[in-house]
Amino acid sequence: MGAPADWWKEFFQGPFGDLQRQGARQDRSGYDAERVIETIGSEAKRILDAPCGAGRVALELSARGHDVIGLDFNPEVLVAARSAANARALTVHFRQGDLRDLSDLEAFDAVTCLWSSIGYFDEPDNERVLQNLVVALKPGGHIIIDTKAAETLFAAHHAQDWAWWGEGSERVRVCQERTWNALTGRMETEWTFIRGQEMRVCQTSVRLYACHELVSLLKSAGCGHFECTDYDKSPFRIGASRLWLTAQKL
């Protein structure tokens, strides 16, 4: 059985959302924020983090002096994000919204779209998301995308794998079974989350773009001055761990 068109609702409000609220990938947050600042400069900037999840990177950017709005469709992770901001005495404006409609968000110095947060919708809506993120920028503003790309997954494709996420009593075994759909360019994945005796299964379907496809879509949306690297700042290549793509609105 394939993933429903709105698979992301169940997925991010289910066990994966639980992991987000518990601080999944928190160890990367400071590094991600510093990479963003390397691109935009340390002077205080207005930044849109979309989607922001539980505020992982938005909080770090705010702690470094930037004016940040975090956008996510999921009210549950936004509650966690606001709680974390209050605990750290940080002012971050977290709001609920859909990346396909950013009509009231504009004039940002930078927009970040991190942790493989593109490709969830059909082709027209995926393109609309990228266009919206660019429209939200000031001229000269930067868009920063961190994602898995075709070059990162195809070179070391595993149809099945698993890993432990979380710590202590919240530790979860996360198993993935992947199927590549060559006709649609989508990776169809069955996720199994196991914690103790509890097991949940979810389906996802993500459009997997090659680097040049994302560059082409961003060019069409009005961007130039592209830079593509691996997550560790080395040149982007086949077999890279992730794609870190930056561009400027012309």
Protein backbone atom coordinates (compact mmCIF):
# COMPACT_ATOMS: atom_id res chain seq x y z
CA MET A 1 0.00 0.00 0.00
CA GLY A 2 1.46 3.34 -1.03
CA ALA A 3 1.57 6.53 0.96
CA PRO A 4 -1.53 8.77 0.89
CA ALA A 5 -1.17 12.19 -0.76
CA ASP A 6 -1.17 13.87 2.66
CA TRP A 7 1.16 11.29 4.29
CA TRP A 8 3.10 14.08 6.00
CA LYS A 9 0.20 14.83 8.35
CA GLU A 10 0.21 11.40 9.98
CA PHE A 11 3.99 11.09 9.80
CA PHE A 12 4.88 14.34 11.54
CA GLN A 13 2.01 14.17 14.01
CA GLY A 14 2.83 10.56 14.80
CA PRO A 15 6.02 8.87 16.06
CA PHE A 16 8.37 11.05 14.01
CA GLY A 17 6.74 14.12 15.56
CA ASP A 18 7.39 12.59 18.97
CA LEU A 19 11.07 12.31 18.09
CA GLN A 20 11.13 15.94 16.94
CA ARG A 21 9.69 17.10 20.26
CA GLN A 22 12.25 15.02 22.14
CA GLY A 23 15.08 16.82 20.34
CA ALA A 24 15.95 14.51 17.44
CA ARG A 25 19.09 15.72 15.63
CA GLN A 26 19.60 18.38 18.30
CA ASP A 27 23.33 17.61 18.13
CA ARG A 28 23.39 19.21 14.65
CA SER A 29 21.53 22.39 15.53
CA GLY A 30 24.49 24.60 16.46
CA TYR A 31 26.43 23.48 13.41
CA ASP A 32 23.45 24.16 11.13
CA ALA A 33 23.01 27.64 12.59
CA GLU A 34 26.69 28.45 12.13
CA ARG A 35 26.55 27.30 8.51
CA VAL A 36 23.61 29.63 7.91
CA ILE A 37 25.49 32.52 9.51
CA GLU A 38 28.56 31.81 7.37
CA THR A 39 26.34 32.50 4.35
CA ILE A 40 24.37 35.53 5.57
CA GLY A 41 26.90 37.13 7.94
CA SER A 42 26.80 37.68 11.71
CA GLU A 43 25.00 41.04 11.58
CA ALA A 44 21.43 40.64 12.84
CA LYS A 45 19.15 39.48 10.04
CA ARG A 46 15.47 38.67 9.61
CA ILE A 47 15.18 34.92 8.95
CA LEU A 48 12.31 32.59 8.05
CA ASP A 49 12.87 28.97 9.12
CA ALA A 50 10.34 26.91 7.18
CA PRO A 51 9.47 24.32 8.21
CA CYS A 52 10.91 24.78 11.70
CA GLY A 53 9.76 21.63 13.48
CA ALA A 54 10.36 21.95 17.23
CA GLY A 55 12.57 25.00 16.69
CA ARG A 56 15.83 23.12 16.49
CA VAL A 57 17.69 25.67 14.31
CA ALA A 58 15.40 28.69 14.79
CA LEU A 59 16.32 28.80 18.48
CA GLU A 60 20.04 28.66 17.73
CA LEU A 61 19.75 31.48 15.20
CA SER A 62 17.79 33.57 17.71
CA ALA A 63 20.43 32.89 20.38
CA ARG A 64 22.98 34.35 17.97
CA GLY A 65 21.06 37.60 17.67
CA HIS A 66 18.84 37.10 14.62
CA ASP A 67 15.14 37.94 14.30
CA VAL A 68 13.54 34.59 13.46
CA ILE A 69 10.09 33.43 12.43
CA GLY A 70 9.56 29.67 12.55
CA LEU A 71 6.75 28.20 10.45
CA ASP A 72 5.34 24.68 10.66
CA PHE A 73 2.00 23.04 9.90
CA ASN A 74 2.12 20.90 13.07
CA PRO A 75 0.73 22.59 16.21
CA GLU A 76 2.20 19.89 18.45
CA VAL A 77 5.83 20.63 17.58
CA LEU A 78 5.14 24.37 17.78
CA VAL A 79 4.07 23.93 21.41
CA ALA A 80 7.43 22.28 22.09
CA ALA A 81 9.24 25.05 20.17
CA ARG A 82 7.58 27.82 22.18
CA SER A 83 8.32 26.00 25.44
CA ALA A 84 11.99 25.67 24.49
CA ALA A 85 12.14 29.37 23.56
CA ASN A 86 10.64 30.36 26.93
CA ALA A 87 13.07 28.10 28.79
CA ARG A 88 15.99 29.84 27.09
CA ALA A 89 14.46 33.33 27.31
CA LEU A 90 14.57 33.67 23.52
CA THR A 91 12.12 35.61 21.37
CA VAL A 92 11.20 33.53 18.33
CA HIS A 93 7.88 34.00 16.55
CA PHE A 94 6.53 30.51 15.95
CA ARG A 95 3.42 30.25 13.84
CA GLN A 96 1.34 27.57 12.15
CA GLY A 97 1.16 27.61 8.36
CA ASP A 98 1.54 25.77 5.07
CA LEU A 99 4.57 26.18 2.80
CA ARG A 100 2.22 26.25 -0.18
CA ASP A 101 0.77 29.57 1.04
CA LEU A 102 3.23 32.15 2.36
CA SER A 103 1.34 35.16 1.03
CA ASP A 104 1.72 37.24 4.20
CA LEU A 105 5.41 36.49 4.77
CA GLU A 106 7.92 38.72 3.00
CA ALA A 107 11.07 40.84 3.18
CA PHE A 108 13.35 38.27 4.82
CA ASP A 109 17.12 38.47 4.59
CA ALA A 110 17.30 34.67 4.56
CA VAL A 111 15.03 31.66 4.30
CA THR A 112 16.14 28.27 5.60
CA CYS A 113 14.58 24.96 4.56
CA LEU A 114 16.56 22.30 6.42
CA TRP A 115 16.63 18.59 7.22
CA SER A 116 15.19 17.25 3.95
CA SER A 117 11.98 19.28 4.04
CA ILE A 118 11.21 19.53 0.32
CA GLY A 119 9.58 17.18 -2.16
CA TYR A 120 6.59 16.19 -0.01
CA PHE A 121 3.88 17.26 -2.45
CA ASP A 122 3.05 16.71 -6.12
CA GLU A 123 5.16 18.40 -8.82
CA PRO A 124 3.18 21.67 -9.08
CA ASP A 125 3.03 22.12 -5.31
CA ASN A 126 6.71 21.27 -4.83
CA GLU A 127 7.58 23.98 -7.34
CA ARG A 128 5.15 26.35 -5.64
CA VAL A 129 6.89 25.81 -2.29
CA LEU A 130 10.27 26.78 -3.73
CA GLN A 131 8.76 29.80 -5.49
CA ASN A 132 7.08 30.91 -2.25
CA LEU A 133 10.31 30.64 -0.29
CA VAL A 134 12.06 32.83 -2.86
CA VAL A 135 9.21 35.35 -2.98
CA ALA A 136 9.52 35.70 0.81
CA LEU A 137 13.08 37.02 0.37
CA LYS A 138 14.30 40.55 -0.11
CA PRO A 139 16.31 41.08 -3.32
CA GLY A 140 19.80 39.83 -2.49
CA GLY A 141 18.47 37.60 0.28
CA HIS A 142 19.67 34.02 0.62
CA ILE A 143 17.77 30.75 0.44
CA ILE A 144 19.51 27.87 2.18
CA ILE A 145 18.42 24.28 1.59
CA ASP A 146 19.75 21.20 3.37
CA THR A 147 18.45 17.94 1.94
CA LYS A 148 19.10 14.48 0.67
CA ALA A 149 19.47 14.54 -3.11
CA ALA A 150 19.62 11.86 -5.79
CA GLU A 151 23.44 12.01 -5.74
CA THR A 152 23.52 11.35 -2.00
CA LEU A 153 21.19 8.34 -1.93
CA PHE A 154 21.78 6.50 -5.19
CA ALA A 155 25.51 5.98 -4.60
CA ALA A 156 24.89 4.08 -1.37
CA HIS A 157 21.31 2.93 -1.69
CA HIS A 158 20.07 0.48 0.91
CA ALA A 159 16.60 -0.93 0.41
CA GLN A 160 16.45 -1.58 4.17
CA ASP A 161 18.23 -0.14 7.18
CA TRP A 162 17.63 0.81 10.79
CA ALA A 163 19.05 2.99 13.55
CA TRP A 164 18.43 3.95 17.19
CA TRP A 165 17.05 7.45 17.80
CA GLY A 166 16.65 9.09 21.19
CA GLU A 167 18.02 8.23 24.61
CA GLY A 168 17.00 6.24 27.66
CA SER A 169 13.35 5.30 28.01
CA GLU A 170 12.56 7.38 24.92
CA ARG A 171 14.94 5.38 22.72
CA VAL A 172 13.26 4.28 19.48
CA ARG A 173 14.36 1.80 16.84
CA VAL A 174 13.67 3.38 13.44
CA CYS A 175 13.52 0.97 10.49
CA GLN A 176 13.15 2.01 6.84
CA GLU A 177 12.21 -0.06 3.78
CA ARG A 178 12.69 1.97 0.59
CA THR A 179 11.39 1.57 -2.95
CA TRP A 180 12.52 3.85 -5.78
CA ASN A 181 9.86 4.84 -8.32
CA ALA A 182 11.79 5.71 -11.49
CA LEU A 183 8.67 6.98 -13.28
CA THR A 184 7.83 9.62 -10.66
CA GLY A 185 11.27 10.31 -9.20
CA ARG A 186 9.94 9.54 -5.73
CA MET A 187 11.37 7.47 -2.90
CA GLU A 188 8.57 5.47 -1.32
CA THR A 189 9.45 4.43 2.23
CA GLU A 190 7.79 2.33 4.90
CA TRP A 191 8.91 3.48 8.34
CA THR A 192 8.60 1.26 11.41
CA PHE A 193 9.05 2.86 14.84
CA ILE A 194 9.61 0.45 17.73
CA ARG A 195 9.76 1.54 21.38
CA GLY A 196 9.54 -1.27 23.90
CA GLN A 197 6.52 -3.35 22.95
CA GLU A 198 4.93 -0.55 20.94
CA MET A 199 5.25 -0.47 17.13
CA ARG A 200 3.96 2.10 14.63
CA VAL A 201 4.19 1.91 10.82
CA CYS A 202 3.97 4.94 8.51
CA GLN A 203 4.36 5.48 4.76
CA THR A 204 6.15 8.39 3.09
CA SER A 205 6.60 9.46 -0.53
CA VAL A 206 9.23 12.10 -1.27
CA ARG A 207 10.23 13.57 -4.62
CA LEU A 208 13.98 13.09 -4.73
CA TYR A 209 15.63 15.88 -6.72
CA ALA A 210 19.08 15.88 -8.24
CA CYS A 211 21.14 18.97 -7.48
CA HIS A 212 20.76 20.38 -10.98
CA GLU A 213 16.96 20.03 -10.78
CA LEU A 214 16.80 22.14 -7.64
CA VAL A 215 19.12 24.71 -9.18
CA SER A 216 16.92 24.88 -12.27
CA LEU A 217 13.74 25.37 -10.19
CA LEU A 218 15.38 28.09 -8.11
CA LYS A 219 16.64 29.83 -11.26
CA SER A 220 13.06 29.85 -12.56
CA ALA A 221 11.96 31.36 -9.25
CA GLY A 222 14.44 34.21 -9.62
CA CYS A 223 17.67 33.05 -7.96
CA GLY A 224 21.32 33.11 -8.93
CA HIS A 225 24.79 32.86 -7.34
CA PHE A 226 24.51 29.19 -6.43
CA GLU A 227 26.83 27.24 -4.14
CA CYS A 228 26.49 23.50 -3.59
CA THR A 229 28.49 21.63 -0.95
CA ASP A 230 28.31 18.51 1.15
CA TYR A 231 27.13 18.87 4.74
CA ASP A 232 30.75 18.97 5.93
CA LYS A 233 31.54 21.85 3.51
CA SER A 234 33.47 19.66 1.06
CA PRO A 235 32.54 19.93 -2.65
CA PHE A 236 29.23 18.33 -3.54
CA ARG A 237 29.75 15.07 -5.42
CA ILE A 238 28.23 11.66 -6.04
CA GLY A 239 28.27 9.92 -2.68
CA ALA A 240 28.06 13.12 -0.62
CA SER A 241 26.21 12.72 2.68
CA ARG A 242 23.80 15.61 2.04
CA LEU A 243 23.28 18.58 -0.27
CA TRP A 244 23.76 22.03 1.27
CA LEU A 245 22.54 24.44 -1.42
CA THR A 246 22.60 28.23 -1.16
CA ALA A 247 21.41 30.85 -3.64
CA GLN A 248 20.52 34.54 -3.74
CA LYS A 249 17.38 36.22 -4.96
CA LEU A 250 18.26 38.43 -7.92
